[in-house]
Amino acid sequence: MDLPATAKPDGVLLHVRLTPKASSARVAGVEAFDGKPVLKAYVTTPPEDGKANAALVVLIAGWLGVPKSSVSMAAGQKSRLKTVAVAGKADDLLAKIAICLEKAG
């Protein structure tokens, strides 16, 4: 399985397709978008005033078990397709992402 992430010297960039105003906040695996893998994520908050982006940061931090301070929006603040930066050791983060995706089914 291709991971929806790109290694960087200071961490990883996680490629996400976000659905706001969902019934529950969750990560639901990977799907292909334009031939590239993206993480499917859902948050309950509406896409207003950055609320959905903030909820996504909290969701990703909890999902990966990393501090919220190490997760930030890198691109796509006003788009459904987002890039989330996660600071840390890239190899460790990629391994965590793979494990979390296995659990997500």
PDB file of N, CA and C in Angstrom:
ATOM      1  N   MET A   1       0.848  -1.187   0.000  1.00  0.00           N
ATOM      2  CA  MET A   1       0.000   0.000   0.000  1.00  0.00           C
ATOM      3  C   MET A   1       0.888   1.243   0.000  1.00  0.00           C
ATOM      4  N   ASP A   2       0.585   2.169  -0.860  1.00  0.00           N
ATOM      5  CA  ASP A   2       1.289   3.444  -0.865  1.00  0.00           C
ATOM      6  C   ASP A   2       0.773   4.294   0.280  1.00  0.00           C
ATOM      7  N   LEU A   3       1.694   4.942   0.972  1.00  0.00           N
ATOM      8  CA  LEU A   3       1.299   5.812   2.076  1.00  0.00           C
ATOM      9  C   LEU A   3       0.951   7.195   1.542  1.00  0.00           C
ATOM     10  N   PRO A   4      -0.027   7.847   2.168  1.00  0.00           N
ATOM     11  CA  PRO A   4      -0.408   9.201   1.749  1.00  0.00           C
ATOM     12  C   PRO A   4       0.483  10.249   2.405  1.00  0.00           C
ATOM     13  N   ALA A   5       1.790   9.998   2.394  1.00  0.00           N
ATOM     14  CA  ALA A   5       2.719  10.884   3.094  1.00  0.00           C
ATOM     15  C   ALA A   5       4.022  10.987   2.321  1.00  0.00           C
ATOM     16  N   THR A   6       4.707  12.104   2.531  1.00  0.00           N
ATOM     17  CA  THR A   6       5.997  12.363   1.919  1.00  0.00           C
ATOM     18  C   THR A   6       6.988  12.686   3.024  1.00  0.00           C
ATOM     19  N   ALA A   7       8.127  12.002   3.033  1.00  0.00           N
ATOM     20  CA  ALA A   7       9.156  12.258   4.039  1.00  0.00           C
ATOM     21  C   ALA A   7       9.862  13.577   3.741  1.00  0.00           C
ATOM     22  N   LYS A   8      10.137  14.322   4.792  1.00  0.00           N
ATOM     23  CA  LYS A   8      10.894  15.568   4.722  1.00  0.00           C
ATOM     24  C   LYS A   8      11.983  15.502   5.794  1.00  0.00           C
ATOM     25  N   PRO A   9      13.009  16.346   5.717  1.00  0.00           N
ATOM     26  CA  PRO A   9      14.076  16.294   6.722  1.00  0.00           C
ATOM     27  C   PRO A   9      13.581  16.510   8.161  1.00  0.00           C
ATOM     28  N   ASP A  10      12.517  17.290   8.319  1.00  0.00           N
ATOM     29  CA  ASP A  10      12.031  17.605   9.669  1.00  0.00           C
ATOM     30  C   ASP A  10      10.717  16.900  10.014  1.00  0.00           C
ATOM     31  N   GLY A  11      10.331  15.882   9.230  1.00  0.00           N
ATOM     32  CA  GLY A  11       9.085  15.168   9.517  1.00  0.00           C
ATOM     33  C   GLY A  11       8.450  14.633   8.252  1.00  0.00           C
ATOM     34  N   VAL A  12       7.122  14.681   8.203  1.00  0.00           N
ATOM     35  CA  VAL A  12       6.402  14.206   7.020  1.00  0.00           C
ATOM     36  C   VAL A  12       5.309  15.197   6.632  1.00  0.00           C
ATOM     37  N   LEU A  13       4.942  15.149   5.374  1.00  0.00           N
ATOM     38  CA  LEU A  13       3.772  15.859   4.881  1.00  0.00           C
ATOM     39  C   LEU A  13       2.714  14.804   4.607  1.00  0.00           C
ATOM     40  N   LEU A  14       1.575  14.948   5.237  1.00  0.00           N
ATOM     41  CA  LEU A  14       0.478  13.991   5.117  1.00  0.00           C
ATOM     42  C   LEU A  14      -0.563  14.595   4.185  1.00  0.00           C
ATOM     43  N   HIS A  15      -0.947  13.866   3.154  1.00  0.00           N
ATOM     44  CA  HIS A  15      -1.900  14.345   2.156  1.00  0.00           C
ATOM     45  C   HIS A  15      -3.290  13.841   2.542  1.00  0.00           C
ATOM     46  N   VAL A  16      -4.222  14.768   2.727  1.00  0.00           N
ATOM     47  CA  VAL A  16      -5.520  14.454   3.332  1.00  0.00           C
ATOM     48  C   VAL A  16      -6.662  14.988   2.480  1.00  0.00           C
ATOM     49  N   ARG A  17      -7.716  14.195   2.376  1.00  0.00           N
ATOM     50  CA  ARG A  17      -8.985  14.667   1.803  1.00  0.00           C
ATOM     51  C   ARG A  17      -9.946  14.774   2.979  1.00  0.00           C
ATOM     52  N   LEU A  18     -10.309  15.995   3.331  1.00  0.00           N
ATOM     53  CA  LEU A  18     -11.110  16.258   4.525  1.00  0.00           C
ATOM     54  C   LEU A  18     -12.581  16.449   4.183  1.00  0.00           C
ATOM     55  N   THR A  19     -13.437  15.799   4.962  1.00  0.00           N
ATOM     56  CA  THR A  19     -14.877  15.998   4.866  1.00  0.00           C
ATOM     57  C   THR A  19     -15.344  16.636   6.170  1.00  0.00           C
ATOM     58  N   PRO A  20     -15.757  17.908   6.133  1.00  0.00           N
ATOM     59  CA  PRO A  20     -16.271  18.560   7.341  1.00  0.00           C
ATOM     60  C   PRO A  20     -17.737  18.211   7.570  1.00  0.00           C
ATOM     61  N   LYS A  21     -18.259  18.593   8.708  1.00  0.00           N
ATOM     62  CA  LYS A  21     -19.664  18.389   9.085  1.00  0.00           C
ATOM     63  C   LYS A  21     -20.082  16.920   8.993  1.00  0.00           C
ATOM     64  N   ALA A  22     -19.180  16.025   9.365  1.00  0.00           N
ATOM     65  CA  ALA A  22     -19.481  14.591   9.371  1.00  0.00           C
ATOM     66  C   ALA A  22     -20.172  14.225  10.685  1.00  0.00           C
ATOM     67  N   SER A  23     -20.730  13.032  10.740  1.00  0.00           N
ATOM     68  CA  SER A  23     -21.415  12.592  11.958  1.00  0.00           C
ATOM     69  C   SER A  23     -20.433  12.272  13.074  1.00  0.00           C
ATOM     70  N   SER A  24     -19.186  11.915  12.719  1.00  0.00           N
ATOM     71  CA  SER A  24     -18.164  11.659  13.735  1.00  0.00           C
ATOM     72  C   SER A  24     -16.792  11.989  13.161  1.00  0.00           C
ATOM     73  N   ALA A  25     -15.862  12.319  14.061  1.00  0.00           N
ATOM     74  CA  ALA A  25     -14.492  12.617  13.649  1.00  0.00           C
ATOM     75  C   ALA A  25     -13.725  11.306  13.579  1.00  0.00           C
ATOM     76  N   ARG A  26     -13.105  11.054  12.422  1.00  0.00           N
ATOM     77  CA  ARG A  26     -12.392   9.792  12.264  1.00  0.00           C
ATOM     78  C   ARG A  26     -11.475   9.839  11.039  1.00  0.00           C
ATOM     79  N   VAL A  27     -10.531   8.920  11.043  1.00  0.00           N
ATOM     80  CA  VAL A  27      -9.700   8.661   9.872  1.00  0.00           C
ATOM     81  C   VAL A  27     -10.201   7.350   9.299  1.00  0.00           C
ATOM     82  N   ALA A  28     -10.491   7.328   8.007  1.00  0.00           N
ATOM     83  CA  ALA A  28     -11.149   6.169   7.405  1.00  0.00           C
ATOM     84  C   ALA A  28     -10.334   5.526   6.289  1.00  0.00           C
ATOM     85  N   GLY A  29      -9.031   5.500   6.429  1.00  0.00           N
ATOM     86  CA  GLY A  29      -8.213   4.819   5.442  1.00  0.00           C
ATOM     87  C   GLY A  29      -7.701   5.717   4.337  1.00  0.00           C
ATOM     88  N   VAL A  30      -7.336   5.084   3.229  1.00  0.00           N
ATOM     89  CA  VAL A  30      -6.706   5.782   2.105  1.00  0.00           C
ATOM     90  C   VAL A  30      -7.543   5.582   0.853  1.00  0.00           C
ATOM     91  N   GLU A  31      -7.605   6.616   0.027  1.00  0.00           N
ATOM     92  CA  GLU A  31      -8.240   6.511  -1.280  1.00  0.00           C
ATOM     93  C   GLU A  31      -7.326   7.162  -2.304  1.00  0.00           C
ATOM     94  N   ALA A  32      -7.559   6.873  -3.553  1.00  0.00           N
ATOM     95  CA  ALA A  32      -6.770   7.481  -4.623  1.00  0.00           C
ATOM     96  C   ALA A  32      -7.465   8.753  -5.091  1.00  0.00           C
ATOM     97  N   PHE A  33      -6.686   9.797  -5.284  1.00  0.00           N
ATOM     98  CA  PHE A  33      -7.191  11.042  -5.844  1.00  0.00           C
ATOM     99  C   PHE A  33      -6.179  11.499  -6.879  1.00  0.00           C
ATOM    100  N   ASP A  34      -6.611  11.599  -8.122  1.00  0.00           N
ATOM    101  CA  ASP A  34      -5.706  11.919  -9.239  1.00  0.00           C
ATOM    102  C   ASP A  34      -4.516  10.961  -9.276  1.00  0.00           C
ATOM    103  N   GLY A  35      -4.770   9.701  -8.958  1.00  0.00           N
ATOM    104  CA  GLY A  35      -3.730   8.690  -9.010  1.00  0.00           C
ATOM    105  C   GLY A  35      -2.780   8.665  -7.833  1.00  0.00           C
ATOM    106  N   LYS A  36      -3.019   9.508  -6.838  1.00  0.00           N
ATOM    107  CA  LYS A  36      -2.138   9.565  -5.671  1.00  0.00           C
ATOM    108  C   LYS A  36      -2.927   9.208  -4.417  1.00  0.00           C
ATOM    109  N   PRO A  37      -2.278   8.550  -3.451  1.00  0.00           N
ATOM    110  CA  PRO A  37      -2.989   8.193  -2.226  1.00  0.00           C
ATOM    111  C   PRO A  37      -3.211   9.409  -1.327  1.00  0.00           C
ATOM    112  N   VAL A  38      -4.421   9.519  -0.798  1.00  0.00           N
ATOM    113  CA  VAL A  38      -4.737  10.556   0.184  1.00  0.00           C
ATOM    114  C   VAL A  38      -5.460   9.903   1.358  1.00  0.00           C
ATOM    115  N   LEU A  39      -5.243  10.447   2.525  1.00  0.00           N
ATOM    116  CA  LEU A  39      -5.894   9.969   3.733  1.00  0.00           C
ATOM    117  C   LEU A  39      -7.307  10.521   3.774  1.00  0.00           C
ATOM    118  N   LYS A  40      -8.294   9.663   4.024  1.00  0.00           N
ATOM    119  CA  LYS A  40      -9.680  10.121   4.163  1.00  0.00           C
ATOM    120  C   LYS A  40      -9.905  10.474   5.626  1.00  0.00           C
ATOM    121  N   ALA A  41     -10.248  11.733   5.886  1.00  0.00           N
ATOM    122  CA  ALA A  41     -10.486  12.181   7.254  1.00  0.00           C
ATOM    123  C   ALA A  41     -11.819  12.911   7.323  1.00  0.00           C
ATOM    124  N   TYR A  42     -12.489  12.747   8.454  1.00  0.00           N
ATOM    125  CA  TYR A  42     -13.791  13.367   8.687  1.00  0.00           C
ATOM    126  C   TYR A  42     -13.747  14.105  10.012  1.00  0.00           C
ATOM    127  N   VAL A  43     -14.297  15.317  10.040  1.00  0.00           N
ATOM    128  CA  VAL A  43     -14.442  16.073  11.282  1.00  0.00           C
ATOM    129  C   VAL A  43     -15.882  16.557  11.392  1.00  0.00           C
ATOM    130  N   THR A  44     -16.322  16.809  12.600  1.00  0.00           N
ATOM    131  CA  THR A  44     -17.712  17.204  12.823  1.00  0.00           C
ATOM    132  C   THR A  44     -17.924  18.703  12.670  1.00  0.00           C
ATOM    133  N   THR A  45     -16.863  19.473  12.693  1.00  0.00           N
ATOM    134  CA  THR A  45     -16.980  20.926  12.641  1.00  0.00           C
ATOM    135  C   THR A  45     -17.220  21.423  11.213  1.00  0.00           C
ATOM    136  N   PRO A  46     -17.858  22.591  11.089  1.00  0.00           N
ATOM    137  CA  PRO A  46     -18.094  23.159   9.755  1.00  0.00           C
ATOM    138  C   PRO A  46     -16.825  23.820   9.208  1.00  0.00           C
ATOM    139  N   PRO A  47     -16.755  24.002   7.897  1.00  0.00           N
ATOM    140  CA  PRO A  47     -15.583  24.637   7.297  1.00  0.00           C
ATOM    141  C   PRO A  47     -15.670  26.158   7.346  1.00  0.00           C
ATOM    142  N   GLU A  48     -15.749  26.708   8.550  1.00  0.00           N
ATOM    143  CA  GLU A  48     -15.834  28.165   8.716  1.00  0.00           C
ATOM    144  C   GLU A  48     -14.741  28.642   9.651  1.00  0.00           C
ATOM    145  N   ASP A  49     -14.129  29.737   9.297  1.00  0.00           N
ATOM    146  CA  ASP A  49     -13.129  30.390  10.145  1.00  0.00           C
ATOM    147  C   ASP A  49     -12.021  29.447  10.601  1.00  0.00           C
ATOM    148  N   GLY A  50     -11.655  28.487   9.777  1.00  0.00           N
ATOM    149  CA  GLY A  50     -10.572  27.571  10.120  1.00  0.00           C
ATOM    150  C   GLY A  50     -10.918  26.499  11.139  1.00  0.00           C
ATOM    151  N   LYS A  51     -12.202  26.376  11.494  1.00  0.00           N
ATOM    152  CA  LYS A  51     -12.595  25.393  12.515  1.00  0.00           C
ATOM    153  C   LYS A  51     -12.328  23.964  12.063  1.00  0.00           C
ATOM    154  N   ALA A  52     -12.625  23.646  10.822  1.00  0.00           N
ATOM    155  CA  ALA A  52     -12.391  22.285  10.325  1.00  0.00           C
ATOM    156  C   ALA A  52     -10.894  21.985  10.266  1.00  0.00           C
ATOM    157  N   ASN A  53     -10.090  22.968   9.899  1.00  0.00           N
ATOM    158  CA  ASN A  53      -8.639  22.770   9.869  1.00  0.00           C
ATOM    159  C   ASN A  53      -8.100  22.519  11.270  1.00  0.00           C
ATOM    160  N   ALA A  54      -8.578  23.287  12.244  1.00  0.00           N
ATOM    161  CA  ALA A  54      -8.141  23.088  13.633  1.00  0.00           C
ATOM    162  C   ALA A  54      -8.552  21.707  14.130  1.00  0.00           C
ATOM    163  N   ALA A  55      -9.756  21.286  13.772  1.00  0.00           N
ATOM    164  CA  ALA A  55     -10.223  19.955  14.176  1.00  0.00           C
ATOM    165  C   ALA A  55      -9.388  18.867  13.502  1.00  0.00           C
ATOM    166  N   LEU A  56      -8.968  19.098  12.268  1.00  0.00           N
ATOM    167  CA  LEU A  56      -8.126  18.129  11.568  1.00  0.00           C
ATOM    168  C   LEU A  56      -6.776  17.984  12.265  1.00  0.00           C
ATOM    169  N   VAL A  57      -6.191  19.088  12.687  1.00  0.00           N
ATOM    170  CA  VAL A  57      -4.910  19.048  13.402  1.00  0.00           C
ATOM    171  C   VAL A  57      -5.043  18.202  14.668  1.00  0.00           C
ATOM    172  N   VAL A  58      -6.114  18.424  15.427  1.00  0.00           N
ATOM    173  CA  VAL A  58      -6.354  17.651  16.651  1.00  0.00           C
ATOM    174  C   VAL A  58      -6.559  16.170  16.314  1.00  0.00           C
ATOM    175  N   LEU A  59      -7.338  15.901  15.271  1.00  0.00           N
ATOM    176  CA  LEU A  59      -7.608  14.522  14.860  1.00  0.00           C
ATOM    177  C   LEU A  59      -6.322  13.798  14.472  1.00  0.00           C
ATOM    178  N   ILE A  60      -5.497  14.421  13.645  1.00  0.00           N
ATOM    179  CA  ILE A  60      -4.251  13.790  13.191  1.00  0.00           C
ATOM    180  C   ILE A  60      -3.296  13.578  14.361  1.00  0.00           C
ATOM    181  N   ALA A  61      -3.187  14.555  15.253  1.00  0.00           N
ATOM    182  CA  ALA A  61      -2.311  14.408  16.421  1.00  0.00           C
ATOM    183  C   ALA A  61      -2.751  13.222  17.274  1.00  0.00           C
ATOM    184  N   GLY A  62      -4.040  13.122  17.525  1.00  0.00           N
ATOM    185  CA  GLY A  62      -4.552  12.005  18.313  1.00  0.00           C
ATOM    186  C   GLY A  62      -4.385  10.677  17.605  1.00  0.00           C
ATOM    187  N   TRP A  63      -4.635  10.657  16.318  1.00  0.00           N
ATOM    188  CA  TRP A  63      -4.536   9.436  15.521  1.00  0.00           C
ATOM    189  C   TRP A  63      -3.108   8.893  15.519  1.00  0.00           C
ATOM    190  N   LEU A  64      -2.126   9.800  15.407  1.00  0.00           N
ATOM    191  CA  LEU A  64      -0.727   9.378  15.379  1.00  0.00           C
ATOM    192  C   LEU A  64      -0.098   9.302  16.766  1.00  0.00           C
ATOM    193  N   GLY A  65      -0.778   9.834  17.770  1.00  0.00           N
ATOM    194  CA  GLY A  65      -0.222   9.833  19.117  1.00  0.00           C
ATOM    195  C   GLY A  65       0.957  10.778  19.270  1.00  0.00           C
ATOM    196  N   VAL A  66       0.858  11.935  18.620  1.00  0.00           N
ATOM    197  CA  VAL A  66       1.906  12.954  18.721  1.00  0.00           C
ATOM    198  C   VAL A  66       1.301  14.219  19.326  1.00  0.00           C
ATOM    199  N   PRO A  67       2.131  15.103  19.879  1.00  0.00           N
ATOM    200  CA  PRO A  67       1.596  16.351  20.432  1.00  0.00           C
ATOM    201  C   PRO A  67       0.953  17.221  19.346  1.00  0.00           C
ATOM    202  N   LYS A  68      -0.107  17.937  19.718  1.00  0.00           N
ATOM    203  CA  LYS A  68      -0.759  18.850  18.766  1.00  0.00           C
ATOM    204  C   LYS A  68       0.220  19.888  18.238  1.00  0.00           C
ATOM    205  N   SER A  69       1.190  20.259  19.073  1.00  0.00           N
ATOM    206  CA  SER A  69       2.150  21.283  18.666  1.00  0.00           C
ATOM    207  C   SER A  69       3.049  20.821  17.522  1.00  0.00           C
ATOM    208  N   SER A  70       3.110  19.513  17.267  1.00  0.00           N
ATOM    209  CA  SER A  70       3.951  19.021  16.174  1.00  0.00           C
ATOM    210  C   SER A  70       3.177  18.870  14.860  1.00  0.00           C
ATOM    211  N   VAL A  71       1.881  19.207  14.874  1.00  0.00           N
ATOM    212  CA  VAL A  71       1.037  19.074  13.682  1.00  0.00           C
ATOM    213  C   VAL A  71       0.570  20.460  13.247  1.00  0.00           C
ATOM    214  N   SER A  72       0.690  20.756  11.958  1.00  0.00           N
ATOM    215  CA  SER A  72       0.244  22.057  11.446  1.00  0.00           C
ATOM    216  C   SER A  72      -0.227  21.915  10.002  1.00  0.00           C
ATOM    217  N   MET A  73      -1.011  22.878   9.575  1.00  0.00           N
ATOM    218  CA  MET A  73      -1.476  22.912   8.190  1.00  0.00           C
ATOM    219  C   MET A  73      -0.343  23.458   7.317  1.00  0.00           C
ATOM    220  N   ALA A  74       0.017  22.725   6.265  1.00  0.00           N
ATOM    221  CA  ALA A  74       1.071  23.174   5.361  1.00  0.00           C
ATOM    222  C   ALA A  74       0.500  23.777   4.081  1.00  0.00           C
ATOM    223  N   ALA A  75      -0.661  23.273   3.646  1.00  0.00           N
ATOM    224  CA  ALA A  75      -1.285  23.778   2.417  1.00  0.00           C
ATOM    225  C   ALA A  75      -2.738  23.336   2.377  1.00  0.00           C
ATOM    226  N   GLY A  76      -3.526  24.049   1.582  1.00  0.00           N
ATOM    227  CA  GLY A  76      -4.914  23.664   1.368  1.00  0.00           C
ATOM    228  C   GLY A  76      -5.879  24.146   2.427  1.00  0.00           C
ATOM    229  N   GLN A  77      -5.563  25.247   3.088  1.00  0.00           N
ATOM    230  CA  GLN A  77      -6.429  25.743   4.155  1.00  0.00           C
ATOM    231  C   GLN A  77      -7.860  25.957   3.695  1.00  0.00           C
ATOM    232  N   LYS A  78      -8.071  26.309   2.444  1.00  0.00           N
ATOM    233  CA  LYS A  78      -9.424  26.576   1.947  1.00  0.00           C
ATOM    234  C   LYS A  78      -9.886  25.528   0.935  1.00  0.00           C
ATOM    235  N   SER A  79      -9.219  24.406   0.921  1.00  0.00           N
ATOM    236  CA  SER A  79      -9.532  23.341  -0.023  1.00  0.00           C
ATOM    237  C   SER A  79      -9.893  22.067   0.728  1.00  0.00           C
ATOM    238  N   ARG A  80     -10.582  21.173   0.068  1.00  0.00           N
ATOM    239  CA  ARG A  80     -10.892  19.873   0.672  1.00  0.00           C
ATOM    240  C   ARG A  80      -9.636  19.006   0.728  1.00  0.00           C
ATOM    241  N   LEU A  81      -8.739  19.203  -0.240  1.00  0.00           N
ATOM    242  CA  LEU A  81      -7.462  18.487  -0.241  1.00  0.00           C
ATOM    243  C   LEU A  81      -6.446  19.310   0.524  1.00  0.00           C
ATOM    244  N   LYS A  82      -5.867  18.710   1.541  1.00  0.00           N
ATOM    245  CA  LYS A  82      -4.984  19.442   2.439  1.00  0.00           C
ATOM    246  C   LYS A  82      -3.654  18.730   2.577  1.00  0.00           C
ATOM    247  N   THR A  83      -2.650  19.490   2.940  1.00  0.00           N
ATOM    248  CA  THR A  83      -1.359  18.929   3.289  1.00  0.00           C
ATOM    249  C   THR A  83      -1.092  19.316   4.732  1.00  0.00           C
ATOM    250  N   VAL A  84      -0.867  18.295   5.555  1.00  0.00           N
ATOM    251  CA  VAL A  84      -0.640  18.494   6.981  1.00  0.00           C
ATOM    252  C   VAL A  84       0.809  18.133   7.276  1.00  0.00           C
ATOM    253  N   ALA A  85       1.534  19.046   7.920  1.00  0.00           N
ATOM    254  CA  ALA A  85       2.921  18.792   8.304  1.00  0.00           C
ATOM    255  C   ALA A  85       2.945  18.200   9.706  1.00  0.00           C
ATOM    256  N   VAL A  86       3.714  17.128   9.858  1.00  0.00           N
ATOM    257  CA  VAL A  86       3.899  16.506  11.170  1.00  0.00           C
ATOM    258  C   VAL A  86       5.398  16.503  11.439  1.00  0.00           C
ATOM    259  N   ALA A  87       5.809  17.215  12.485  1.00  0.00           N
ATOM    260  CA  ALA A  87       7.223  17.329  12.821  1.00  0.00           C
ATOM    261  C   ALA A  87       7.680  16.105  13.602  1.00  0.00           C
ATOM    262  N   GLY A  88       8.901  15.694  13.324  1.00  0.00           N
ATOM    263  CA  GLY A  88       9.479  14.550  14.018  1.00  0.00           C
ATOM    264  C   GLY A  88      10.414  13.800  13.090  1.00  0.00           C
ATOM    265  N   LYS A  89      10.825  12.613  13.530  1.00  0.00           N
ATOM    266  CA  LYS A  89      11.706  11.775  12.719  1.00  0.00           C
ATOM    267  C   LYS A  89      10.870  11.084  11.646  1.00  0.00           C
ATOM    268  N   ALA A  90      11.182  11.349  10.390  1.00  0.00           N
ATOM    269  CA  ALA A  90      10.354  10.886   9.270  1.00  0.00           C
ATOM    270  C   ALA A  90      10.149   9.375   9.272  1.00  0.00           C
ATOM    271  N   ASP A  91      11.203   8.598   9.490  1.00  0.00           N
ATOM    272  CA  ASP A  91      11.060   7.135   9.466  1.00  0.00           C
ATOM    273  C   ASP A  91      10.080   6.649  10.525  1.00  0.00           C
ATOM    274  N   ASP A  92      10.179   7.216  11.724  1.00  0.00           N
ATOM    275  CA  ASP A  92       9.269   6.828  12.809  1.00  0.00           C
ATOM    276  C   ASP A  92       7.830   7.208  12.476  1.00  0.00           C
ATOM    277  N   LEU A  93       7.648   8.400  11.924  1.00  0.00           N
ATOM    278  CA  LEU A  93       6.298   8.858  11.587  1.00  0.00           C
ATOM    279  C   LEU A  93       5.688   8.024  10.466  1.00  0.00           C
ATOM    280  N   LEU A  94       6.477   7.679   9.457  1.00  0.00           N
ATOM    281  CA  LEU A  94       5.965   6.840   8.367  1.00  0.00           C
ATOM    282  C   LEU A  94       5.559   5.465   8.889  1.00  0.00           C
ATOM    283  N   ALA A  95       6.335   4.931   9.825  1.00  0.00           N
ATOM    284  CA  ALA A  95       5.982   3.640  10.429  1.00  0.00           C
ATOM    285  C   ALA A  95       4.682   3.758  11.220  1.00  0.00           C
ATOM    286  N   LYS A  96       4.525   4.862  11.974  1.00  0.00           N
ATOM    287  CA  LYS A  96       3.285   5.087  12.737  1.00  0.00           C
ATOM    288  C   LYS A  96       2.083   5.198  11.806  1.00  0.00           C
ATOM    289  N   ILE A  97       2.263   5.911  10.704  1.00  0.00           N
ATOM    290  CA  ILE A  97       1.171   6.074   9.741  1.00  0.00           C
ATOM    291  C   ILE A  97       0.757   4.711   9.190  1.00  0.00           C
ATOM    292  N   ALA A  98       1.729   3.881   8.836  1.00  0.00           N
ATOM    293  CA  ALA A  98       1.426   2.554   8.302  1.00  0.00           C
ATOM    294  C   ALA A  98       0.671   1.713   9.325  1.00  0.00           C
ATOM    295  N   ILE A  99       1.099   1.753  10.582  1.00  0.00           N
ATOM    296  CA  ILE A  99       0.431   0.989  11.645  1.00  0.00           C
ATOM    297  C   ILE A  99      -0.986   1.503  11.857  1.00  0.00           C
ATOM    298  N   CYS A 100      -1.144   2.815  11.918  1.00  0.00           N
ATOM    299  CA  CYS A 100      -2.477   3.400  12.125  1.00  0.00           C
ATOM    300  C   CYS A 100      -3.417   3.060  10.968  1.00  0.00           C
ATOM    301  N   LEU A 101      -2.895   3.028   9.754  1.00  0.00           N
ATOM    302  CA  LEU A 101      -3.731   2.684   8.599  1.00  0.00           C
ATOM    303  C   LEU A 101      -4.153   1.221   8.635  1.00  0.00           C
ATOM    304  N   GLU A 102      -3.273   0.353   9.111  1.00  0.00           N
ATOM    305  CA  GLU A 102      -3.647  -1.062   9.258  1.00  0.00           C
ATOM    306  C   GLU A 102      -4.797  -1.200  10.246  1.00  0.00           C
ATOM    307  N   LYS A 103      -4.726  -0.443  11.346  1.00  0.00           N
ATOM    308  CA  LYS A 103      -5.787  -0.485  12.359  1.00  0.00           C
ATOM    309  C   LYS A 103      -7.095   0.089  11.824  1.00  0.00           C
ATOM    310  N   ALA A 104      -6.976   1.114  10.970  1.00  0.00           N
ATOM    311  CA  ALA A 104      -8.179   1.752  10.415  1.00  0.00           C
ATOM    312  C   ALA A 104      -8.892   0.825   9.437  1.00  0.00           C
ATOM    313  N   GLY A 105      -8.174  -0.181   8.955  1.00  0.00           N
ATOM    314  CA  GLY A 105      -8.775  -1.167   8.048  1.00  0.00           C
ATOM    315  C   GLY A 105      -8.796  -0.700   6.667  1.00  0.00           C
TER     316      GLY A 105
END
